[in-house]
Amino acid sequence: MPGIIGKKIGMTSIFADDGSLIPVSVVEAGPCTVFAKRELDKDGYEALQLGFGSKKEKRVNKPQLEQYKKHNLKAPKVLKEFRNFNVKEFNVGDIITVELFNIGDKVKVTGRSIGKGFQGVMKRHGFGGVGGTTHGQKDRLRAPGSIGQSSYPSRVLKGTRMAGRTGNAKVTTKGLKVIKVIPDKNLILIKGAIPGANESIVEINK
């Protein structure tokens, strides 16, 4: 779907015309540069490869750097492909801005959720603890309890909820509404929360 790459700034709230208070996520979306075109006859599908931000040349491998220099482009911090653009309307080097979106548009936002490290079952899965000792624990207040399966099948079943690394996963939130677009500052205000920590990279799709 047509979309843009951005950086999550944080959350705030604004007043609507009827006086209601709306919580919004603020995203610095674009400007994104077209770095490559994927065409049906050459690649088998149509898409635009967009770049956001910039990074030092020494952090880019030589083949990529030569490709960028060929089109007089600076090395981007992030590269992503977006389908459903009308590829014929764009050329390498064109700029796509936040004006791609309008107030009231429904969008989905993809980002990496906040990492919380290795967590126990209470924080990771919402277990109740020792209050109702139905999982076999006795005096271990935050333990998961018994996970065994007796003599059959004599193994821990796949998918058993246990302690482990929490967060830092790719998450997509759908059905969000664009509340306001500020083109001169490359900002888009989206109703509600979106995945990721502040300053993290997010992808906004129509």
Protein backbone atom coordinates (compact mmCIF):
# COMPACT_ATOMS: atom_id res chain seq x y z
CA MET A 1 0.00 0.00 0.00
CA PRO A 2 1.15 3.59 -0.51
CA GLY A 3 2.99 4.70 2.56
CA ILE A 4 5.85 6.61 4.10
CA ILE A 5 8.64 6.09 6.62
CA GLY A 6 8.77 8.23 9.74
CA LYS A 7 10.15 8.67 13.24
CA LYS A 8 7.93 8.52 16.30
CA ILE A 9 8.30 11.74 18.31
CA GLY A 10 5.96 10.95 21.19
CA MET A 11 2.39 11.47 22.34
CA THR A 12 0.31 14.51 23.16
CA SER A 13 -3.32 15.56 22.99
CA ILE A 14 -5.25 18.16 21.02
CA PHE A 15 -8.74 19.62 21.20
CA ALA A 16 -11.24 18.77 18.48
CA ASP A 17 -13.70 21.32 17.07
CA ASP A 18 -16.41 20.07 19.44
CA GLY A 19 -14.15 20.59 22.47
CA SER A 20 -13.32 16.95 23.08
CA LEU A 21 -9.72 16.04 23.98
CA ILE A 22 -8.07 13.58 21.56
CA PRO A 23 -4.88 11.66 22.45
CA VAL A 24 -2.54 11.60 19.44
CA SER A 25 0.82 10.13 18.46
CA VAL A 26 3.15 12.57 16.72
CA VAL A 27 5.24 11.21 13.85
CA GLU A 28 7.84 13.02 11.79
CA ALA A 29 6.93 11.43 8.46
CA GLY A 30 9.35 11.95 5.60
CA PRO A 31 10.44 13.55 3.48
CA CYS A 32 11.31 10.25 1.79
CA THR A 33 13.38 9.97 -1.38
CA VAL A 34 12.66 7.44 -4.14
CA PHE A 35 15.82 5.32 -4.37
CA ALA A 36 14.59 2.66 -6.80
CA LYS A 37 11.60 1.55 -8.84
CA ARG A 38 10.39 -2.02 -9.14
CA GLU A 39 8.59 -2.51 -12.45
CA LEU A 40 6.34 -5.32 -13.60
CA ASP A 41 8.26 -6.22 -16.75
CA LYS A 42 11.67 -6.24 -15.01
CA ASP A 43 10.97 -7.37 -11.45
CA GLY A 44 7.59 -9.07 -11.65
CA TYR A 45 5.89 -6.57 -9.35
CA GLU A 46 5.51 -2.83 -8.91
CA ALA A 47 6.88 -0.94 -5.91
CA LEU A 48 8.87 2.09 -4.86
CA GLN A 49 11.94 1.82 -2.65
CA LEU A 50 11.90 4.79 -0.28
CA GLY A 51 14.74 6.07 1.87
CA PHE A 52 14.44 8.07 5.09
CA GLY A 53 17.10 9.97 7.01
CA SER A 54 20.81 9.76 6.30
CA LYS A 55 23.93 8.04 7.60
CA LYS A 56 27.68 8.35 7.16
CA GLU A 57 29.20 7.05 3.94
CA LYS A 58 31.69 4.88 5.85
CA ARG A 59 28.73 2.84 7.17
CA VAL A 60 27.59 1.91 3.65
CA ASN A 61 29.13 -0.85 1.54
CA LYS A 62 30.78 0.22 -1.71
CA PRO A 63 28.29 -1.26 -4.22
CA GLN A 64 25.40 0.52 -2.51
CA LEU A 65 27.35 3.74 -2.21
CA GLU A 66 28.18 3.74 -5.91
CA GLN A 67 24.51 3.16 -6.71
CA TYR A 68 23.53 6.16 -4.59
CA LYS A 69 26.22 8.38 -6.11
CA LYS A 70 25.06 7.38 -9.58
CA HIS A 71 21.78 9.17 -8.86
CA ASN A 72 23.35 11.94 -6.71
CA LEU A 73 21.65 10.64 -3.57
CA LYS A 74 22.90 10.51 0.01
CA ALA A 75 22.97 7.20 1.86
CA PRO A 76 19.67 6.73 3.72
CA LYS A 77 19.29 5.58 7.30
CA VAL A 78 16.35 3.32 6.41
CA LEU A 79 15.23 1.72 3.12
CA LYS A 80 11.79 0.16 2.66
CA GLU A 81 9.64 -0.90 -0.28
CA PHE A 82 6.03 0.19 -0.70
CA ARG A 83 3.61 -1.35 -3.18
CA ASN A 84 0.45 0.09 -4.75
CA PHE A 85 2.10 3.36 -5.73
CA ASN A 86 1.49 4.35 -9.32
CA VAL A 87 5.12 3.69 -10.23
CA LYS A 88 4.89 5.42 -13.60
CA GLU A 89 4.30 8.77 -11.88
CA PHE A 90 7.63 8.68 -10.00
CA ASN A 91 11.31 8.77 -10.88
CA VAL A 92 14.41 8.00 -8.84
CA GLY A 93 15.24 11.08 -6.76
CA ASP A 94 11.64 12.26 -6.35
CA ILE A 95 10.54 13.34 -2.88
CA ILE A 96 7.44 11.99 -1.13
CA THR A 97 6.15 14.07 1.77
CA VAL A 98 3.54 13.81 4.49
CA GLU A 99 1.06 15.47 2.13
CA LEU A 100 0.42 11.93 0.87
CA PHE A 101 -2.10 11.74 3.75
CA ASN A 102 -5.27 13.70 4.44
CA ILE A 103 -7.24 14.36 7.60
CA GLY A 104 -9.59 11.47 8.28
CA ASP A 105 -7.55 8.83 6.41
CA LYS A 106 -7.47 5.37 7.96
CA VAL A 107 -3.90 4.10 8.30
CA LYS A 108 -1.95 1.22 9.78
CA VAL A 109 1.35 1.80 11.56
CA THR A 110 4.15 -0.76 11.84
CA GLY A 111 7.05 -0.50 14.27
CA ARG A 112 9.10 -2.46 16.79
CA SER A 113 7.50 -2.66 20.21
CA ILE A 114 9.44 -1.48 23.27
CA GLY A 115 11.84 -4.20 24.45
CA LYS A 116 11.42 -5.23 28.09
CA GLY A 117 14.13 -7.86 28.36
CA PHE A 118 13.74 -11.31 29.89
CA GLN A 119 10.54 -11.33 31.97
CA GLY A 120 8.68 -13.81 34.11
CA VAL A 121 5.23 -15.22 33.45
CA MET A 122 3.40 -12.59 35.54
CA LYS A 123 4.64 -9.67 33.49
CA ARG A 124 4.83 -11.54 30.18
CA HIS A 125 1.51 -13.41 30.28
CA GLY A 126 -0.44 -11.90 33.18
CA PHE A 127 -0.33 -14.93 35.51
CA GLY A 128 -1.99 -14.31 38.87
CA GLY A 129 0.82 -15.43 41.15
CA VAL A 130 0.46 -17.42 44.35
CA GLY A 131 -3.03 -16.13 45.14
CA GLY A 132 -4.67 -19.13 43.50
CA THR A 133 -2.14 -21.93 43.72
CA THR A 134 -3.58 -24.06 40.96
CA HIS A 135 -0.37 -24.61 39.01
CA GLY A 136 1.55 -26.49 41.64
CA GLN A 137 3.60 -23.73 43.25
CA LYS A 138 3.83 -23.60 47.03
CA ASP A 139 5.88 -20.71 48.34
CA ARG A 140 7.33 -19.21 45.15
CA LEU A 141 5.17 -16.14 44.74
CA ARG A 142 5.79 -15.37 41.05
CA ALA A 143 6.56 -18.84 39.71
CA PRO A 144 4.72 -20.41 36.77
CA GLY A 145 4.14 -23.69 38.60
CA SER A 146 4.12 -27.16 37.12
CA ILE A 147 4.59 -27.55 33.36
CA GLY A 148 5.03 -31.33 33.19
CA GLN A 149 2.80 -33.73 31.29
CA SER A 150 3.26 -36.85 33.50
CA SER A 151 4.16 -40.11 31.75
CA TYR A 152 2.42 -39.06 28.55
CA PRO A 153 3.46 -37.19 26.50
CA SER A 154 6.43 -36.75 28.86
CA ARG A 155 7.43 -33.43 27.37
CA VAL A 156 6.58 -29.77 27.57
CA LEU A 157 4.00 -28.91 24.92
CA LYS A 158 4.84 -26.31 22.30
CA GLY A 159 3.33 -22.92 23.03
CA THR A 160 3.36 -23.37 26.82
CA ARG A 161 3.40 -19.92 28.35
CA MET A 162 6.70 -19.50 30.13
CA ALA A 163 9.25 -16.81 30.97
CA GLY A 164 11.18 -15.31 28.08
CA ARG A 165 12.18 -12.23 26.13
CA THR A 166 9.38 -9.70 26.01
CA GLY A 167 8.76 -6.95 23.49
CA ASN A 168 11.15 -5.86 20.70
CA ALA A 169 8.89 -7.49 18.10
CA LYS A 170 7.41 -6.20 14.84
CA VAL A 171 3.91 -4.92 15.64
CA THR A 172 1.25 -3.45 13.34
CA THR A 173 -1.68 -1.41 14.63
CA LYS A 174 -4.55 -1.09 12.16
CA GLY A 175 -7.55 1.21 11.82
CA LEU A 176 -5.88 4.37 13.14
CA LYS A 177 -7.19 7.76 12.07
CA VAL A 178 -5.20 10.75 10.84
CA ILE A 179 -6.23 13.75 12.95
CA LYS A 180 -3.93 16.45 11.58
CA VAL A 181 -1.20 16.93 8.97
CA ILE A 182 1.44 19.68 9.33
CA PRO A 183 3.33 19.75 5.98
CA ASP A 184 5.78 22.55 6.81
CA LYS A 185 7.13 20.54 9.78
CA ASN A 186 6.68 17.08 8.17
CA LEU A 187 4.43 16.03 11.05
CA ILE A 188 1.39 13.78 11.09
CA LEU A 189 -0.86 13.38 14.15
CA ILE A 190 -2.50 9.97 14.50
CA LYS A 191 -5.26 9.20 16.98
CA GLY A 192 -4.21 6.80 19.73
CA ALA A 193 -0.99 4.97 20.48
CA ILE A 194 1.35 3.46 17.90
CA PRO A 195 4.05 0.78 18.36
CA GLY A 196 7.60 1.64 19.33
CA ALA A 197 9.61 3.82 21.65
CA ASN A 198 10.15 7.53 21.06
CA GLU A 199 12.68 8.21 18.27
CA SER A 200 12.05 4.75 16.75
CA ILE A 201 11.38 4.21 13.05
CA VAL A 202 7.80 3.49 12.01
CA GLU A 203 6.09 2.74 8.73
CA ILE A 204 2.72 4.37 7.93
CA ASN A 205 0.52 2.77 5.26
CA LYS A 206 -2.81 3.83 3.84
